[in-house]
Amino acid sequence: MRNKVEMDYNNLQSEDRYAEAQKKVKKLKGFYSHLMIYILVNIFIFVLNVKDLSPGESYFQLENFFTAFFWGIGLLFHGLSVFGGSIFFGKNWEEKKIKEFMEKEKSEKWE
């Protein structure tokens, strides 16, 4: 009977890990799709802007960069939402902080 319970528990853990991995892959795919569309649309806009330039006119005008800049900010935040946890806090940051607070509380009780 114990072996059956262990097998069920292991199956649940495996399914949970699979579901978690599936969520991560979906987030990554969403970000990379967003990045690809950003690049393609901005290339298209660049080509249109260059085509519309008058002879001797410079491409480097503020209005030619609005879309890339503001959409780029959105893309940055999307990237931070996908990769951000490990960039700012590192792996297992929450677990380490919880342990730190628990140890601090334990030491304060004995003093």
C-alpha atoms as a PDB file:
ATOM      1  CA  MET A   1       0.000   0.000   0.000  1.00  0.00           C
ATOM      2  CA  ARG A   2       2.818   2.395   0.861  1.00  0.00           C
ATOM      3  CA  ASN A   3       4.378   1.902  -2.552  1.00  0.00           C
ATOM      4  CA  LYS A   4       1.099   2.908  -4.254  1.00  0.00           C
ATOM      5  CA  VAL A   5       0.912   6.090  -2.155  1.00  0.00           C
ATOM      6  CA  GLU A   6       4.504   6.964  -3.025  1.00  0.00           C
ATOM      7  CA  MET A   7       3.806   6.369  -6.717  1.00  0.00           C
ATOM      8  CA  ASP A   8       0.718   8.613  -6.581  1.00  0.00           C
ATOM      9  CA  TYR A   9       2.713  11.309  -4.772  1.00  0.00           C
ATOM     10  CA  ASN A  10       5.546  11.087  -7.311  1.00  0.00           C
ATOM     11  CA  ASN A  11       3.030  11.293 -10.166  1.00  0.00           C
ATOM     12  CA  LEU A  12       1.504  14.433  -8.672  1.00  0.00           C
ATOM     13  CA  GLN A  13       4.924  15.998  -8.247  1.00  0.00           C
ATOM     14  CA  SER A  14       5.823  15.090 -11.810  1.00  0.00           C
ATOM     15  CA  GLU A  15       2.579  16.566 -13.132  1.00  0.00           C
ATOM     16  CA  ASP A  16       3.118  19.748 -11.100  1.00  0.00           C
ATOM     17  CA  ARG A  17       6.649  20.123 -12.414  1.00  0.00           C
ATOM     18  CA  TYR A  18       5.429  19.507 -15.966  1.00  0.00           C
ATOM     19  CA  ALA A  19       2.674  22.127 -15.600  1.00  0.00           C
ATOM     20  CA  GLU A  20       5.170  24.622 -14.163  1.00  0.00           C
ATOM     21  CA  ALA A  21       7.625  23.963 -17.009  1.00  0.00           C
ATOM     22  CA  GLN A  22       4.790  24.337 -19.499  1.00  0.00           C
ATOM     23  CA  LYS A  23       3.912  27.769 -18.035  1.00  0.00           C
ATOM     24  CA  LYS A  24       7.535  28.902 -18.292  1.00  0.00           C
ATOM     25  CA  VAL A  25       7.799  27.753 -21.908  1.00  0.00           C
ATOM     26  CA  LYS A  26       4.565  29.574 -22.758  1.00  0.00           C
ATOM     27  CA  LYS A  27       5.906  32.798 -21.193  1.00  0.00           C
ATOM     28  CA  LEU A  28       9.191  32.458 -23.094  1.00  0.00           C
ATOM     29  CA  LYS A  29       7.381  31.797 -26.355  1.00  0.00           C
ATOM     30  CA  GLY A  30       5.199  34.860 -25.786  1.00  0.00           C
ATOM     31  CA  PHE A  31       8.221  37.057 -25.149  1.00  0.00           C
ATOM     32  CA  TYR A  32      10.159  35.796 -28.176  1.00  0.00           C
ATOM     33  CA  SER A  33       7.084  36.239 -30.399  1.00  0.00           C
ATOM     34  CA  HIS A  34       6.714  39.795 -29.089  1.00  0.00           C
ATOM     35  CA  LEU A  35      10.411  40.448 -29.775  1.00  0.00           C
ATOM     36  CA  MET A  36      10.178  39.052 -33.315  1.00  0.00           C
ATOM     37  CA  ILE A  37       7.125  41.173 -34.148  1.00  0.00           C
ATOM     38  CA  TYR A  38       8.845  44.243 -32.640  1.00  0.00           C
ATOM     39  CA  ILE A  39      11.875  43.733 -34.871  1.00  0.00           C
ATOM     40  CA  LEU A  40       9.864  43.068 -38.039  1.00  0.00           C
ATOM     41  CA  VAL A  41       7.497  46.018 -37.561  1.00  0.00           C
ATOM     42  CA  ASN A  42      10.366  48.397 -36.794  1.00  0.00           C
ATOM     43  CA  ILE A  43      12.274  47.241 -39.883  1.00  0.00           C
ATOM     44  CA  PHE A  44       9.133  47.891 -41.937  1.00  0.00           C
ATOM     45  CA  ILE A  45       8.738  51.362 -40.397  1.00  0.00           C
ATOM     46  CA  PHE A  46      12.430  52.076 -41.026  1.00  0.00           C
ATOM     47  CA  VAL A  47      12.084  51.159 -44.707  1.00  0.00           C
ATOM     48  CA  LEU A  48       8.971  53.344 -45.082  1.00  0.00           C
ATOM     49  CA  ASN A  49      10.683  56.284 -43.370  1.00  0.00           C
ATOM     50  CA  VAL A  50      13.829  55.995 -45.496  1.00  0.00           C
ATOM     51  CA  LYS A  51      11.699  55.784 -48.635  1.00  0.00           C
ATOM     52  CA  ASP A  52       9.881  59.008 -47.698  1.00  0.00           C
ATOM     53  CA  LEU A  53      13.047  61.039 -47.088  1.00  0.00           C
ATOM     54  CA  SER A  54      13.639  64.042 -49.300  1.00  0.00           C
ATOM     55  CA  PRO A  55      17.059  64.287 -50.959  1.00  0.00           C
ATOM     56  CA  GLY A  56      19.608  65.474 -48.377  1.00  0.00           C
ATOM     57  CA  GLU A  57      17.182  64.958 -45.444  1.00  0.00           C
ATOM     58  CA  SER A  58      18.576  63.090 -42.438  1.00  0.00           C
ATOM     59  CA  TYR A  59      16.854  59.967 -41.115  1.00  0.00           C
ATOM     60  CA  PHE A  60      17.780  60.911 -37.560  1.00  0.00           C
ATOM     61  CA  GLN A  61      14.682  62.869 -36.631  1.00  0.00           C
ATOM     62  CA  LEU A  62      12.815  62.392 -33.369  1.00  0.00           C
ATOM     63  CA  GLU A  63       9.543  61.263 -34.953  1.00  0.00           C
ATOM     64  CA  ASN A  64      11.299  58.343 -36.675  1.00  0.00           C
ATOM     65  CA  PHE A  65      12.070  56.748 -33.310  1.00  0.00           C
ATOM     66  CA  PHE A  66       8.808  57.119 -31.338  1.00  0.00           C
ATOM     67  CA  THR A  67       7.421  53.675 -32.128  1.00  0.00           C
ATOM     68  CA  ALA A  68      10.682  51.855 -31.487  1.00  0.00           C
ATOM     69  CA  PHE A  69      11.298  53.740 -28.242  1.00  0.00           C
ATOM     70  CA  PHE A  70       7.889  53.441 -26.598  1.00  0.00           C
ATOM     71  CA  TRP A  71       7.230  49.916 -27.817  1.00  0.00           C
ATOM     72  CA  GLY A  72      10.753  49.067 -26.665  1.00  0.00           C
ATOM     73  CA  ILE A  73       9.829  50.186 -23.143  1.00  0.00           C
ATOM     74  CA  GLY A  74       6.843  47.831 -23.262  1.00  0.00           C
ATOM     75  CA  LEU A  75       9.075  45.049 -24.541  1.00  0.00           C
ATOM     76  CA  LEU A  76      11.547  45.710 -21.729  1.00  0.00           C
ATOM     77  CA  PHE A  77       8.804  45.321 -19.118  1.00  0.00           C
ATOM     78  CA  HIS A  78       7.576  42.162 -20.834  1.00  0.00           C
ATOM     79  CA  GLY A  79      11.121  40.786 -20.678  1.00  0.00           C
ATOM     80  CA  LEU A  80      11.431  41.712 -17.011  1.00  0.00           C
ATOM     81  CA  SER A  81       8.171  39.924 -16.264  1.00  0.00           C
ATOM     82  CA  VAL A  82       9.560  36.774 -17.911  1.00  0.00           C
ATOM     83  CA  PHE A  83      13.202  36.925 -16.780  1.00  0.00           C
ATOM     84  CA  GLY A  84      13.031  39.544 -14.019  1.00  0.00           C
ATOM     85  CA  GLY A  85      12.849  37.387 -10.924  1.00  0.00           C
ATOM     86  CA  SER A  86      16.295  35.965 -11.425  1.00  0.00           C
ATOM     87  CA  ILE A  87      17.803  39.249 -12.620  1.00  0.00           C
ATOM     88  CA  PHE A  88      17.029  41.260  -9.486  1.00  0.00           C
ATOM     89  CA  PHE A  89      16.723  38.738  -6.690  1.00  0.00           C
ATOM     90  CA  GLY A  90      18.581  35.650  -7.871  1.00  0.00           C
ATOM     91  CA  LYS A  91      17.470  32.071  -7.598  1.00  0.00           C
ATOM     92  CA  ASN A  92      15.792  30.996  -4.368  1.00  0.00           C
ATOM     93  CA  TRP A  93      15.877  34.537  -2.991  1.00  0.00           C
ATOM     94  CA  GLU A  94      12.503  34.181  -1.304  1.00  0.00           C
ATOM     95  CA  GLU A  95      13.447  30.880   0.337  1.00  0.00           C
ATOM     96  CA  LYS A  96      16.704  32.333   1.670  1.00  0.00           C
ATOM     97  CA  LYS A  97      14.905  35.371   3.097  1.00  0.00           C
ATOM     98  CA  ILE A  98      12.273  33.195   4.791  1.00  0.00           C
ATOM     99  CA  LYS A  99      15.000  31.064   6.387  1.00  0.00           C
ATOM    100  CA  GLU A 100      16.840  34.209   7.475  1.00  0.00           C
ATOM    101  CA  PHE A 101      13.738  35.619   9.181  1.00  0.00           C
ATOM    102  CA  MET A 102      12.959  32.277  10.817  1.00  0.00           C
ATOM    103  CA  GLU A 103      16.498  32.001  12.189  1.00  0.00           C
ATOM    104  CA  LYS A 104      16.350  35.578  13.468  1.00  0.00           C
ATOM    105  CA  GLU A 105      13.029  34.916  15.196  1.00  0.00           C
ATOM    106  CA  LYS A 106      14.320  31.667  16.683  1.00  0.00           C
ATOM    107  CA  SER A 107      17.428  33.373  18.100  1.00  0.00           C
ATOM    108  CA  GLU A 108      15.365  36.226  19.571  1.00  0.00           C
ATOM    109  CA  LYS A 109      13.090  33.802  21.440  1.00  0.00           C
ATOM    110  CA  TRP A 110      16.027  32.195  23.273  1.00  0.00           C
ATOM    111  CA  GLU A 111      17.584  35.473  24.419  1.00  0.00           C
END
